[in-house]
C-alpha cells in the first residue's frame, strides 16, 4: 500500500520568471529520464558519497542540501547540463525554447524545480528503493565485478623508452 504522502501529494506551483507554473506529478518515464541524467555523473561520486547524498535529499531535513546540490550541479553541467535544464523546464510545462529565454526561465529556476522534484514522494520512493537495491549483496557483487572488469580492460598507454627498429 502506498504511503499517505504519495496518495495525497499535490505538485507545487512555482514562480518561474514571474509566472506561476504548476509542476506536474512525474511519471515513471520522467523519473527514469531524471535518473539517467543523474547517472551521467555516477563516476564522479563514490558509492559512499551517493549514500550520503540520499541522506541530504530529504524533506524531513529541509529538502535539498544546497551545498550538495551546488557541488552536484557543477559536476553535472559539463556532461548533461542542457539535457537537465530542458527536462526541468518540461516538468513545469515549458518548451526547450522557453528555457533558453532568460526572461521566462531566469537563473535559479532550475534549483526551484529540482528541489520540488526531489521533494516529490514518488521520486523519493524511487531513489530510496534504488538505494536499498544497491545494498543487495547480489547487486553489489555484479557491480564490483563490472567495476574490476572495466579497470582491467583499460589500456596502459605507451611504454617507456625508445622504439626499437
C-alpha atoms as a PDB file:
ATOM      1  CA  UNK A   1       0.000   0.000   0.000  1.00  0.00           C
ATOM      2  CA  UNK A   2       1.238   3.482  -0.846  1.00  0.00           C
ATOM      3  CA  UNK A   3       2.173   5.853   1.963  1.00  0.00           C
ATOM      4  CA  UNK A   4      -0.393   8.549   2.632  1.00  0.00           C
ATOM      5  CA  UNK A   5       2.042  11.214   1.415  1.00  0.00           C
ATOM      6  CA  UNK A   6       2.192   9.627  -2.027  1.00  0.00           C
ATOM      7  CA  UNK A   7      -1.567   9.339  -2.289  1.00  0.00           C
ATOM      8  CA  UNK A   8      -2.244  12.907  -1.116  1.00  0.00           C
ATOM      9  CA  UNK A   9       0.672  14.553  -2.926  1.00  0.00           C
ATOM     10  CA  UNK A  10      -0.218  17.590  -4.991  1.00  0.00           C
ATOM     11  CA  UNK A  11       2.622  19.023  -7.109  1.00  0.00           C
ATOM     12  CA  UNK A  12       3.610  22.565  -6.180  1.00  0.00           C
ATOM     13  CA  UNK A  13       3.022  25.763  -8.095  1.00  0.00           C
ATOM     14  CA  UNK A  14       6.368  27.501  -8.654  1.00  0.00           C
ATOM     15  CA  UNK A  15       7.095  31.107  -9.577  1.00  0.00           C
ATOM     16  CA  UNK A  16       9.259  30.822 -12.688  1.00  0.00           C
ATOM     17  CA  UNK A  17      10.094  34.160 -14.266  1.00  0.00           C
ATOM     18  CA  UNK A  18       7.138  35.864 -12.576  1.00  0.00           C
ATOM     19  CA  UNK A  19       4.648  33.277 -13.838  1.00  0.00           C
ATOM     20  CA  UNK A  20       3.011  30.691 -11.579  1.00  0.00           C
ATOM     21  CA  UNK A  21       3.716  27.301 -13.123  1.00  0.00           C
ATOM     22  CA  UNK A  22       2.293  24.080 -11.758  1.00  0.00           C
ATOM     23  CA  UNK A  23       4.761  21.238 -11.768  1.00  0.00           C
ATOM     24  CA  UNK A  24       3.089  18.052 -12.922  1.00  0.00           C
ATOM     25  CA  UNK A  25       3.482  14.838 -10.986  1.00  0.00           C
ATOM     26  CA  UNK A  26       6.373  12.942 -12.598  1.00  0.00           C
ATOM     27  CA  UNK A  27       5.512   9.662 -14.269  1.00  0.00           C
ATOM     28  CA  UNK A  28       7.794   6.633 -14.219  1.00  0.00           C
ATOM     29  CA  UNK A  29       9.386   7.502 -17.564  1.00  0.00           C
ATOM     30  CA  UNK A  30      10.249  11.004 -16.352  1.00  0.00           C
ATOM     31  CA  UNK A  31      11.733   9.585 -13.147  1.00  0.00           C
ATOM     32  CA  UNK A  32      13.793   7.190 -15.283  1.00  0.00           C
ATOM     33  CA  UNK A  33      14.873  10.104 -17.515  1.00  0.00           C
ATOM     34  CA  UNK A  34      15.885  12.049 -14.394  1.00  0.00           C
ATOM     35  CA  UNK A  35      17.779   9.016 -13.065  1.00  0.00           C
ATOM     36  CA  UNK A  36      19.506   8.691 -16.448  1.00  0.00           C
ATOM     37  CA  UNK A  37      20.617  12.314 -16.348  1.00  0.00           C
ATOM     38  CA  UNK A  38      21.846  11.905 -12.776  1.00  0.00           C
ATOM     39  CA  UNK A  39      23.680   8.690 -13.689  1.00  0.00           C
ATOM     40  CA  UNK A  40      25.847  10.608 -16.157  1.00  0.00           C
ATOM     41  CA  UNK A  41      27.891  11.815 -13.205  1.00  0.00           C
ATOM     42  CA  UNK A  42      27.823   8.493 -11.362  1.00  0.00           C
ATOM     43  CA  UNK A  43      31.573   8.065 -11.748  1.00  0.00           C
ATOM     44  CA  UNK A  44      32.254  11.438 -10.111  1.00  0.00           C
ATOM     45  CA  UNK A  45      30.896  10.325  -6.725  1.00  0.00           C
ATOM     46  CA  UNK A  46      31.879   7.251  -4.718  1.00  0.00           C
ATOM     47  CA  UNK A  47      29.120   4.879  -3.541  1.00  0.00           C
ATOM     48  CA  UNK A  48      29.523   6.329  -0.025  1.00  0.00           C
ATOM     49  CA  UNK A  49      29.012   9.845  -1.385  1.00  0.00           C
ATOM     50  CA  UNK A  50      25.847   8.680  -3.183  1.00  0.00           C
ATOM     51  CA  UNK A  51      24.551   7.190   0.072  1.00  0.00           C
ATOM     52  CA  UNK A  52      25.371  10.457   1.865  1.00  0.00           C
ATOM     53  CA  UNK A  53      23.588  12.353  -0.914  1.00  0.00           C
ATOM     54  CA  UNK A  54      20.493  10.260  -0.287  1.00  0.00           C
ATOM     55  CA  UNK A  55      20.545  11.424   3.305  1.00  0.00           C
ATOM     56  CA  UNK A  56      20.940  15.058   2.247  1.00  0.00           C
ATOM     57  CA  UNK A  57      17.994  14.922  -0.142  1.00  0.00           C
ATOM     58  CA  UNK A  58      15.236  14.510   2.373  1.00  0.00           C
ATOM     59  CA  UNK A  59      12.173  16.641   3.031  1.00  0.00           C
ATOM     60  CA  UNK A  60      12.482  15.677   6.690  1.00  0.00           C
ATOM     61  CA  UNK A  61      15.812  17.509   6.733  1.00  0.00           C
ATOM     62  CA  UNK A  62      14.556  20.600   4.943  1.00  0.00           C
ATOM     63  CA  UNK A  63      14.698  19.431   1.348  1.00  0.00           C
ATOM     64  CA  UNK A  64      17.695  19.682  -0.904  1.00  0.00           C
ATOM     65  CA  UNK A  65      21.031  20.353   0.786  1.00  0.00           C
ATOM     66  CA  UNK A  66      22.230  23.428  -1.116  1.00  0.00           C
ATOM     67  CA  UNK A  67      25.947  22.694  -0.650  1.00  0.00           C
ATOM     68  CA  UNK A  68      25.498  19.207  -2.069  1.00  0.00           C
ATOM     69  CA  UNK A  69      23.217  20.500  -4.845  1.00  0.00           C
ATOM     70  CA  UNK A  70      25.798  23.070  -5.899  1.00  0.00           C
ATOM     71  CA  UNK A  71      28.613  20.515  -5.962  1.00  0.00           C
ATOM     72  CA  UNK A  72      26.438  18.052  -7.836  1.00  0.00           C
ATOM     73  CA  UNK A  73      25.241  20.592 -10.422  1.00  0.00           C
ATOM     74  CA  UNK A  74      28.799  21.747 -11.137  1.00  0.00           C
ATOM     75  CA  UNK A  75      29.725  18.119 -11.818  1.00  0.00           C
ATOM     76  CA  UNK A  76      26.599  17.530 -13.910  1.00  0.00           C
ATOM     77  CA  UNK A  77      26.642  20.677 -16.043  1.00  0.00           C
ATOM     78  CA  UNK A  78      29.568  19.707 -18.318  1.00  0.00           C
ATOM     79  CA  UNK A  79      28.123  16.267 -19.087  1.00  0.00           C
ATOM     80  CA  UNK A  80      24.357  16.831 -19.111  1.00  0.00           C
ATOM     81  CA  UNK A  81      23.559  20.441 -18.220  1.00  0.00           C
ATOM     82  CA  UNK A  82      21.463  21.297 -21.276  1.00  0.00           C
ATOM     83  CA  UNK A  83      19.589  17.998 -21.060  1.00  0.00           C
ATOM     84  CA  UNK A  84      18.856  18.630 -17.366  1.00  0.00           C
ATOM     85  CA  UNK A  85      17.592  22.180 -17.934  1.00  0.00           C
ATOM     86  CA  UNK A  86      15.263  21.106 -20.756  1.00  0.00           C
ATOM     87  CA  UNK A  87      13.987  18.248 -18.566  1.00  0.00           C
ATOM     88  CA  UNK A  88      13.334  20.612 -15.647  1.00  0.00           C
ATOM     89  CA  UNK A  89      11.516  23.058 -17.907  1.00  0.00           C
ATOM     90  CA  UNK A  90       9.244  20.299 -19.210  1.00  0.00           C
ATOM     91  CA  UNK A  91       8.279  19.466 -15.633  1.00  0.00           C
ATOM     92  CA  UNK A  92       6.608  22.887 -15.393  1.00  0.00           C
ATOM     93  CA  UNK A  93       5.206  22.916 -18.924  1.00  0.00           C
ATOM     94  CA  UNK A  94       7.943  24.925 -20.609  1.00  0.00           C
ATOM     95  CA  UNK A  95       9.352  24.220 -24.051  1.00  0.00           C
ATOM     96  CA  UNK A  96      13.049  23.916 -24.778  1.00  0.00           C
ATOM     97  CA  UNK A  97      12.882  27.368 -26.408  1.00  0.00           C
ATOM     98  CA  UNK A  98      11.344  28.826 -23.232  1.00  0.00           C
ATOM     99  CA  UNK A  99      14.184  27.574 -21.013  1.00  0.00           C
ATOM    100  CA  UNK A 100      16.690  29.331 -23.278  1.00  0.00           C
ATOM    101  CA  UNK A 101      14.953  32.663 -22.631  1.00  0.00           C
ATOM    102  CA  UNK A 102      16.395  34.322 -19.531  1.00  0.00           C
ATOM    103  CA  UNK A 103      13.202  36.335 -19.016  1.00  0.00           C
ATOM    104  CA  UNK A 104      10.996  33.234 -18.976  1.00  0.00           C
ATOM    105  CA  UNK A 105      13.473  30.941 -17.196  1.00  0.00           C
ATOM    106  CA  UNK A 106      15.770  33.094 -15.023  1.00  0.00           C
ATOM    107  CA  UNK A 107      18.811  31.680 -13.266  1.00  0.00           C
ATOM    108  CA  UNK A 108      17.707  29.879 -10.118  1.00  0.00           C
ATOM    109  CA  UNK A 109      14.570  28.437 -11.710  1.00  0.00           C
ATOM    110  CA  UNK A 110      16.389  25.145 -12.228  1.00  0.00           C
ATOM    111  CA  UNK A 111      17.084  24.863  -8.489  1.00  0.00           C
ATOM    112  CA  UNK A 112      13.456  25.560  -7.570  1.00  0.00           C
ATOM    113  CA  UNK A 113      12.252  22.837  -9.918  1.00  0.00           C
ATOM    114  CA  UNK A 114      14.993  20.362  -8.902  1.00  0.00           C
ATOM    115  CA  UNK A 115      14.114  20.874  -5.242  1.00  0.00           C
ATOM    116  CA  UNK A 116      10.404  20.335  -5.970  1.00  0.00           C
ATOM    117  CA  UNK A 117      11.186  17.141  -7.903  1.00  0.00           C
ATOM    118  CA  UNK A 118      13.403  15.838  -5.121  1.00  0.00           C
ATOM    119  CA  UNK A 119      10.656  16.501  -2.569  1.00  0.00           C
ATOM    120  CA  UNK A 120       8.103  14.558  -4.605  1.00  0.00           C
ATOM    121  CA  UNK A 121       7.192  11.397  -2.645  1.00  0.00           C
ATOM    122  CA  UNK A 122       7.215   9.288  -5.833  1.00  0.00           C
ATOM    123  CA  UNK A 123      10.751  10.354  -6.713  1.00  0.00           C
ATOM    124  CA  UNK A 124      11.943   9.917  -3.124  1.00  0.00           C
ATOM    125  CA  UNK A 125      10.418   6.452  -3.064  1.00  0.00           C
ATOM    126  CA  UNK A 126      12.100   5.517  -6.357  1.00  0.00           C
ATOM    127  CA  UNK A 127      15.560   6.587  -5.154  1.00  0.00           C
ATOM    128  CA  UNK A 128      15.033   5.108  -1.666  1.00  0.00           C
ATOM    129  CA  UNK A 129      14.155   1.747  -3.181  1.00  0.00           C
ATOM    130  CA  UNK A 130      17.093   2.119  -5.560  1.00  0.00           C
ATOM    131  CA  UNK A 131      19.465   2.656  -2.625  1.00  0.00           C
ATOM    132  CA  UNK A 132      18.065  -0.478  -0.979  1.00  0.00           C
ATOM    133  CA  UNK A 133      18.639  -2.385  -4.191  1.00  0.00           C
ATOM    134  CA  UNK A 134      22.260  -1.182  -4.352  1.00  0.00           C
ATOM    135  CA  UNK A 135      22.811  -2.648  -0.869  1.00  0.00           C
ATOM    136  CA  UNK A 136      21.656  -6.076  -2.083  1.00  0.00           C
ATOM    137  CA  UNK A 137      24.644  -8.485  -1.918  1.00  0.00           C
ATOM    138  CA  UNK A 138      23.928  -9.872  -5.405  1.00  0.00           C
ATOM    139  CA  UNK A 139      23.782  -6.402  -6.969  1.00  0.00           C
ATOM    140  CA  UNK A 140      26.959  -5.379  -5.089  1.00  0.00           C
ATOM    141  CA  UNK A 141      28.794  -8.441  -6.428  1.00  0.00           C
ATOM    142  CA  UNK A 142      27.700  -7.708 -10.007  1.00  0.00           C
ATOM    143  CA  UNK A 143      28.672  -4.047  -9.647  1.00  0.00           C
ATOM    144  CA  UNK A 144      32.090  -4.898  -8.193  1.00  0.00           C
ATOM    145  CA  UNK A 145      32.667  -7.475 -10.933  1.00  0.00           C
ATOM    146  CA  UNK A 146      31.800  -4.946 -13.630  1.00  0.00           C
ATOM    147  CA  UNK A 147      33.982  -2.305 -11.992  1.00  0.00           C
ATOM    148  CA  UNK A 148      37.013  -4.596 -11.740  1.00  0.00           C
ATOM    149  CA  UNK A 149      36.486  -5.723 -15.356  1.00  0.00           C
ATOM    150  CA  UNK A 150      36.446  -2.101 -16.541  1.00  0.00           C
ATOM    151  CA  UNK A 151      39.658  -1.355 -14.623  1.00  0.00           C
ATOM    152  CA  UNK A 152      41.460  -4.420 -16.036  1.00  0.00           C
ATOM    153  CA  UNK A 153      40.459  -3.632 -19.614  1.00  0.00           C
ATOM    154  CA  UNK A 154      41.826  -0.069 -19.573  1.00  0.00           C
ATOM    155  CA  UNK A 155      44.852   0.344 -21.835  1.00  0.00           C
ATOM    156  CA  UNK A 156      48.086   1.052 -20.016  1.00  0.00           C
ATOM    157  CA  UNK A 157      49.146   3.588 -22.635  1.00  0.00           C
ATOM    158  CA  UNK A 158      52.505   3.815 -24.337  1.00  0.00           C
ATOM    159  CA  UNK A 159      55.538   2.069 -22.870  1.00  0.00           C
ATOM    160  CA  UNK A 160      58.582   3.940 -21.615  1.00  0.00           C
ATOM    161  CA  UNK A 161      61.721   4.031 -23.691  1.00  0.00           C
ATOM    162  CA  UNK A 162      62.586   4.466 -27.351  1.00  0.00           C
ATOM    163  CA  UNK A 163      61.003   2.370 -30.073  1.00  0.00           C
ATOM    164  CA  UNK A 164      63.296  -0.409 -31.303  1.00  0.00           C
ATOM    165  CA  UNK A 165      63.772  -0.766 -35.060  1.00  0.00           C
END
